[in-house]
Amino acid sequence: MKSNELYPLGVRRDGSYYTRIEWASCTEKNPQFWVLNIIDDDLERSGGTFAANSLGPVDVVLSFFGETKTISSVRFYSNVGLPISVLEELAKQINVYVSVEDTPRGLKADTDDINSVEWEKILECAIKKEESWQEFSLSKPVQAKYVRIELVENYGTSDGLDWIETSEVKIYP
């Protein structure tokens, strides 16, 4: 695509979809660990991660502003937030689910049950213990109105720090 051409509505210059956070099971008051960091473009150490004060699982639900999109791949940037953070805090496994129904719109409070929604699991991603982009392709494209990202567990810190982290998620057609 030439630089003067327009991109389709809802698609970034890198080809990924714009997404919106609809619900999260955990977020923190400190902006370095805030759930909104999962959709921003700041990948610097100390720049912000989606980090939860938990060993996992932790969930976030993304949407495409009410539209249904075709998904072929998902990319994660694995990063830990603070200079003192260790790579063992990275999410070791991330599961990705989709829904084409409107039932995820009913998730509002932190006490809501993510499993009250019927989800289709499309990916189980084994994440490398390094700060980098990692891409996972689906065997065939799927339709989604909502995408659930589940940080399952971290690598396990030797001193028992209960943090699970990733930085950014990008979803591609």
C-alpha atoms as a PDB file:
ATOM      1  CA  MET A   1       0.000   0.000   0.000  1.00  0.00           C
ATOM      2  CA  LYS A   2       1.390   3.400  -0.955  1.00  0.00           C
ATOM      3  CA  SER A   3       1.766   6.026   1.748  1.00  0.00           C
ATOM      4  CA  ASN A   4      -0.884   8.298   0.194  1.00  0.00           C
ATOM      5  CA  GLU A   5      -3.536   5.536   0.069  1.00  0.00           C
ATOM      6  CA  LEU A   6      -6.205   5.325   2.710  1.00  0.00           C
ATOM      7  CA  TYR A   7      -6.420   2.328   5.022  1.00  0.00           C
ATOM      8  CA  PRO A   8      -9.724   0.547   5.547  1.00  0.00           C
ATOM      9  CA  LEU A   9     -11.786   1.916   8.432  1.00  0.00           C
ATOM     10  CA  GLY A  10     -10.645   0.397  11.720  1.00  0.00           C
ATOM     11  CA  VAL A  11      -7.210  -0.715  10.460  1.00  0.00           C
ATOM     12  CA  ARG A  12      -3.898   0.767  11.633  1.00  0.00           C
ATOM     13  CA  ARG A  13      -0.935   1.476   9.354  1.00  0.00           C
ATOM     14  CA  ASP A  14       0.689  -1.799  10.460  1.00  0.00           C
ATOM     15  CA  GLY A  15      -2.411  -3.707   9.293  1.00  0.00           C
ATOM     16  CA  SER A  16      -3.753  -4.498  12.782  1.00  0.00           C
ATOM     17  CA  TYR A  17      -7.267  -3.648  13.920  1.00  0.00           C
ATOM     18  CA  TYR A  18      -8.084  -0.844  16.297  1.00  0.00           C
ATOM     19  CA  THR A  19      -9.592  -2.370  19.424  1.00  0.00           C
ATOM     20  CA  ARG A  20     -11.373  -1.109  22.511  1.00  0.00           C
ATOM     21  CA  ILE A  21     -11.191  -2.549  26.019  1.00  0.00           C
ATOM     22  CA  GLU A  22     -14.643  -3.640  27.147  1.00  0.00           C
ATOM     23  CA  TRP A  23     -13.861  -5.355  30.466  1.00  0.00           C
ATOM     24  CA  ALA A  24     -10.936  -6.581  32.541  1.00  0.00           C
ATOM     25  CA  SER A  25     -10.791  -8.863  35.550  1.00  0.00           C
ATOM     26  CA  CYS A  26      -7.877  -6.926  37.011  1.00  0.00           C
ATOM     27  CA  THR A  27      -6.295  -3.529  36.604  1.00  0.00           C
ATOM     28  CA  GLU A  28      -4.046  -1.444  38.794  1.00  0.00           C
ATOM     29  CA  LYS A  29      -4.129   2.184  39.929  1.00  0.00           C
ATOM     30  CA  ASN A  30      -0.525   2.744  38.850  1.00  0.00           C
ATOM     31  CA  PRO A  31      -0.573   3.710  35.129  1.00  0.00           C
ATOM     32  CA  GLN A  32       2.575   1.633  34.541  1.00  0.00           C
ATOM     33  CA  PHE A  33       0.426  -1.459  35.160  1.00  0.00           C
ATOM     34  CA  TRP A  34      -2.882  -0.169  33.816  1.00  0.00           C
ATOM     35  CA  VAL A  35      -5.002  -2.420  31.613  1.00  0.00           C
ATOM     36  CA  LEU A  36      -5.161   0.280  28.895  1.00  0.00           C
ATOM     37  CA  ASN A  37      -1.473  -0.337  28.223  1.00  0.00           C
ATOM     38  CA  ILE A  38      -2.504  -3.499  26.366  1.00  0.00           C
ATOM     39  CA  ILE A  39      -3.725  -1.392  23.415  1.00  0.00           C
ATOM     40  CA  ASP A  40      -1.250   1.511  23.422  1.00  0.00           C
ATOM     41  CA  ASP A  41       1.973   1.741  21.443  1.00  0.00           C
ATOM     42  CA  ASP A  42       4.426   2.271  24.317  1.00  0.00           C
ATOM     43  CA  LEU A  43       6.786  -0.710  24.415  1.00  0.00           C
ATOM     44  CA  GLU A  44       9.561   0.840  26.498  1.00  0.00           C
ATOM     45  CA  ARG A  45      10.693  -0.682  29.776  1.00  0.00           C
ATOM     46  CA  SER A  46       9.011   1.500  32.439  1.00  0.00           C
ATOM     47  CA  GLY A  47       6.631   2.661  29.727  1.00  0.00           C
ATOM     48  CA  GLY A  48       3.712   0.569  30.829  1.00  0.00           C
ATOM     49  CA  THR A  49       2.477  -2.988  30.724  1.00  0.00           C
ATOM     50  CA  PHE A  50      -0.779  -4.766  31.390  1.00  0.00           C
ATOM     51  CA  ALA A  51       0.292  -6.218  34.703  1.00  0.00           C
ATOM     52  CA  ALA A  52      -1.909  -7.801  37.327  1.00  0.00           C
ATOM     53  CA  ASN A  53      -1.054  -8.399  40.942  1.00  0.00           C
ATOM     54  CA  SER A  54      -1.831 -12.089  40.496  1.00  0.00           C
ATOM     55  CA  LEU A  55      -0.163 -15.312  39.409  1.00  0.00           C
ATOM     56  CA  GLY A  56      -3.090 -15.683  36.982  1.00  0.00           C
ATOM     57  CA  PRO A  57      -5.390 -16.238  35.329  1.00  0.00           C
ATOM     58  CA  VAL A  58      -6.294 -12.665  34.385  1.00  0.00           C
ATOM     59  CA  ASP A  59      -8.656 -11.693  31.559  1.00  0.00           C
ATOM     60  CA  VAL A  60      -9.325  -8.695  29.338  1.00  0.00           C
ATOM     61  CA  VAL A  61     -12.085  -8.451  26.723  1.00  0.00           C
ATOM     62  CA  LEU A  62     -11.495  -6.408  23.555  1.00  0.00           C
ATOM     63  CA  SER A  63     -13.970  -5.395  20.865  1.00  0.00           C
ATOM     64  CA  PHE A  64     -13.863  -3.859  17.413  1.00  0.00           C
ATOM     65  CA  PHE A  65     -16.225  -0.997  18.307  1.00  0.00           C
ATOM     66  CA  GLY A  66     -19.320  -3.142  17.733  1.00  0.00           C
ATOM     67  CA  GLU A  67     -18.209  -4.629  14.425  1.00  0.00           C
ATOM     68  CA  THR A  68     -17.483  -8.245  13.546  1.00  0.00           C
ATOM     69  CA  LYS A  69     -14.004  -8.779  12.095  1.00  0.00           C
ATOM     70  CA  THR A  70     -12.050 -11.667  10.602  1.00  0.00           C
ATOM     71  CA  ILE A  71      -9.006 -12.699  12.628  1.00  0.00           C
ATOM     72  CA  SER A  72      -6.043 -14.585  11.138  1.00  0.00           C
ATOM     73  CA  SER A  73      -3.261 -13.840  13.622  1.00  0.00           C
ATOM     74  CA  VAL A  74      -2.481 -12.260  16.982  1.00  0.00           C
ATOM     75  CA  ARG A  75       0.788 -10.644  18.086  1.00  0.00           C
ATOM     76  CA  PHE A  76       1.890 -10.069  21.670  1.00  0.00           C
ATOM     77  CA  TYR A  77       4.663  -7.812  22.834  1.00  0.00           C
ATOM     78  CA  SER A  78       5.978  -9.359  26.023  1.00  0.00           C
ATOM     79  CA  ASN A  79       7.446  -6.824  28.378  1.00  0.00           C
ATOM     80  CA  VAL A  80       7.658  -6.198  32.121  1.00  0.00           C
ATOM     81  CA  GLY A  81       6.979  -2.743  33.481  1.00  0.00           C
ATOM     82  CA  LEU A  82       9.597  -1.524  35.897  1.00  0.00           C
ATOM     83  CA  PRO A  83      13.391  -1.630  35.693  1.00  0.00           C
ATOM     84  CA  ILE A  84      13.360  -3.828  38.811  1.00  0.00           C
ATOM     85  CA  SER A  85      10.892  -6.304  37.263  1.00  0.00           C
ATOM     86  CA  VAL A  86      12.184  -9.726  36.262  1.00  0.00           C
ATOM     87  CA  LEU A  87      11.305 -11.740  33.146  1.00  0.00           C
ATOM     88  CA  GLU A  88       9.777 -14.444  35.337  1.00  0.00           C
ATOM     89  CA  GLU A  89       6.807 -12.087  35.733  1.00  0.00           C
ATOM     90  CA  LEU A  90       5.980 -12.414  32.021  1.00  0.00           C
ATOM     91  CA  ALA A  91       2.896 -14.365  31.055  1.00  0.00           C
ATOM     92  CA  LYS A  92       4.136 -17.857  30.187  1.00  0.00           C
ATOM     93  CA  GLN A  93       0.891 -18.865  28.494  1.00  0.00           C
ATOM     94  CA  ILE A  94      -1.793 -16.700  26.935  1.00  0.00           C
ATOM     95  CA  ASN A  95      -5.080 -18.106  25.659  1.00  0.00           C
ATOM     96  CA  VAL A  96      -7.203 -16.285  23.082  1.00  0.00           C
ATOM     97  CA  TYR A  97     -10.967 -16.741  22.787  1.00  0.00           C
ATOM     98  CA  VAL A  98     -13.589 -15.157  20.527  1.00  0.00           C
ATOM     99  CA  SER A  99     -17.308 -14.529  20.583  1.00  0.00           C
ATOM    100  CA  VAL A 100     -19.631 -13.334  17.823  1.00  0.00           C
ATOM    101  CA  GLU A 101     -22.523 -12.858  20.270  1.00  0.00           C
ATOM    102  CA  ASP A 102     -23.410  -9.692  22.176  1.00  0.00           C
ATOM    103  CA  THR A 103     -23.328 -11.403  25.606  1.00  0.00           C
ATOM    104  CA  PRO A 104     -19.846 -10.043  26.517  1.00  0.00           C
ATOM    105  CA  ARG A 105     -21.497  -6.587  26.655  1.00  0.00           C
ATOM    106  CA  GLY A 106     -23.067  -7.781  29.927  1.00  0.00           C
ATOM    107  CA  LEU A 107     -19.664  -7.877  31.636  1.00  0.00           C
ATOM    108  CA  LYS A 108     -19.518  -4.686  33.690  1.00  0.00           C
ATOM    109  CA  ALA A 109     -18.181  -5.158  37.230  1.00  0.00           C
ATOM    110  CA  ASP A 110     -14.999  -6.812  38.486  1.00  0.00           C
ATOM    111  CA  THR A 111     -17.234  -9.405  40.183  1.00  0.00           C
ATOM    112  CA  ASP A 112     -18.761 -10.528  36.860  1.00  0.00           C
ATOM    113  CA  ASP A 113     -17.909 -14.079  35.784  1.00  0.00           C
ATOM    114  CA  ILE A 114     -15.991 -14.224  32.476  1.00  0.00           C
ATOM    115  CA  ASN A 115     -17.146 -17.841  32.085  1.00  0.00           C
ATOM    116  CA  SER A 116     -20.806 -16.769  32.032  1.00  0.00           C
ATOM    117  CA  VAL A 117     -20.144 -15.942  28.367  1.00  0.00           C
ATOM    118  CA  GLU A 118     -19.789 -18.696  25.786  1.00  0.00           C
ATOM    119  CA  TRP A 119     -16.297 -18.374  24.282  1.00  0.00           C
ATOM    120  CA  GLU A 120     -14.554 -20.274  21.490  1.00  0.00           C
ATOM    121  CA  LYS A 121     -10.870 -20.863  22.233  1.00  0.00           C
ATOM    122  CA  ILE A 122      -8.833 -20.148  19.099  1.00  0.00           C
ATOM    123  CA  LEU A 123      -5.242 -20.048  20.385  1.00  0.00           C
ATOM    124  CA  GLU A 124      -3.053 -21.381  23.189  1.00  0.00           C
ATOM    125  CA  CYS A 125       0.111 -19.307  23.010  1.00  0.00           C
ATOM    126  CA  ALA A 126       3.335 -20.437  24.674  1.00  0.00           C
ATOM    127  CA  ILE A 127       5.181 -17.180  25.267  1.00  0.00           C
ATOM    128  CA  LYS A 128       8.984 -17.013  25.182  1.00  0.00           C
ATOM    129  CA  LYS A 129      10.700 -15.574  28.234  1.00  0.00           C
ATOM    130  CA  GLU A 130      12.059 -12.507  26.438  1.00  0.00           C
ATOM    131  CA  GLU A 131      10.968  -8.961  25.737  1.00  0.00           C
ATOM    132  CA  SER A 132       9.920  -9.181  22.094  1.00  0.00           C
ATOM    133  CA  TRP A 133       7.066  -9.458  19.617  1.00  0.00           C
ATOM    134  CA  GLN A 134       5.677 -12.957  19.163  1.00  0.00           C
ATOM    135  CA  GLU A 135       3.113 -13.796  16.494  1.00  0.00           C
ATOM    136  CA  PHE A 136       0.611 -16.655  16.492  1.00  0.00           C
ATOM    137  CA  SER A 137      -1.351 -17.572  13.362  1.00  0.00           C
ATOM    138  CA  LEU A 138      -4.644 -19.407  13.273  1.00  0.00           C
ATOM    139  CA  SER A 139      -4.992 -22.526  11.153  1.00  0.00           C
ATOM    140  CA  LYS A 140      -7.995 -20.829   9.501  1.00  0.00           C
ATOM    141  CA  PRO A 141      -9.476 -17.332   9.927  1.00  0.00           C
ATOM    142  CA  VAL A 142     -12.351 -16.864  12.391  1.00  0.00           C
ATOM    143  CA  GLN A 143     -15.024 -14.231  12.877  1.00  0.00           C
ATOM    144  CA  ALA A 144     -15.089 -12.256  16.124  1.00  0.00           C
ATOM    145  CA  LYS A 145     -17.035  -9.420  17.658  1.00  0.00           C
ATOM    146  CA  TYR A 146     -15.222  -9.785  20.991  1.00  0.00           C
ATOM    147  CA  VAL A 147     -11.784 -11.174  21.805  1.00  0.00           C
ATOM    148  CA  ARG A 148     -10.859 -12.479  25.242  1.00  0.00           C
ATOM    149  CA  ILE A 149      -7.163 -12.455  26.160  1.00  0.00           C
ATOM    150  CA  GLU A 150      -6.388 -14.693  29.155  1.00  0.00           C
ATOM    151  CA  LEU A 151      -2.992 -14.408  30.842  1.00  0.00           C
ATOM    152  CA  VAL A 152      -2.880 -17.928  32.296  1.00  0.00           C
ATOM    153  CA  GLU A 153       0.291 -18.033  34.395  1.00  0.00           C
ATOM    154  CA  ASN A 154       3.678 -16.413  34.746  1.00  0.00           C
ATOM    155  CA  TYR A 155       7.094 -18.082  34.699  1.00  0.00           C
ATOM    156  CA  GLY A 156       7.199 -18.184  38.483  1.00  0.00           C
ATOM    157  CA  THR A 157       9.403 -15.811  40.423  1.00  0.00           C
ATOM    158  CA  SER A 158      11.880 -17.247  42.887  1.00  0.00           C
ATOM    159  CA  ASP A 159      10.705 -14.914  45.637  1.00  0.00           C
ATOM    160  CA  GLY A 160       7.019 -15.607  45.000  1.00  0.00           C
ATOM    161  CA  LEU A 161       6.112 -12.203  43.543  1.00  0.00           C
ATOM    162  CA  ASP A 162       2.557 -12.547  42.351  1.00  0.00           C
ATOM    163  CA  TRP A 163       2.627 -10.541  39.109  1.00  0.00           C
ATOM    164  CA  ILE A 164       1.684 -11.589  35.605  1.00  0.00           C
ATOM    165  CA  GLU A 165       2.529  -9.229  32.733  1.00  0.00           C
ATOM    166  CA  THR A 166       2.425  -8.569  29.029  1.00  0.00           C
ATOM    167  CA  SER A 167       2.594  -5.288  27.183  1.00  0.00           C
ATOM    168  CA  GLU A 168       0.602  -5.044  23.978  1.00  0.00           C
ATOM    169  CA  VAL A 169      -1.793  -7.112  21.869  1.00  0.00           C
ATOM    170  CA  LYS A 170      -2.338  -6.603  18.131  1.00  0.00           C
ATOM    171  CA  ILE A 171      -4.977  -8.482  16.177  1.00  0.00           C
ATOM    172  CA  TYR A 172      -4.690  -8.929  12.391  1.00  0.00           C
ATOM    173  CA  PRO A 173      -7.100  -9.854   9.574  1.00  0.00           C
END
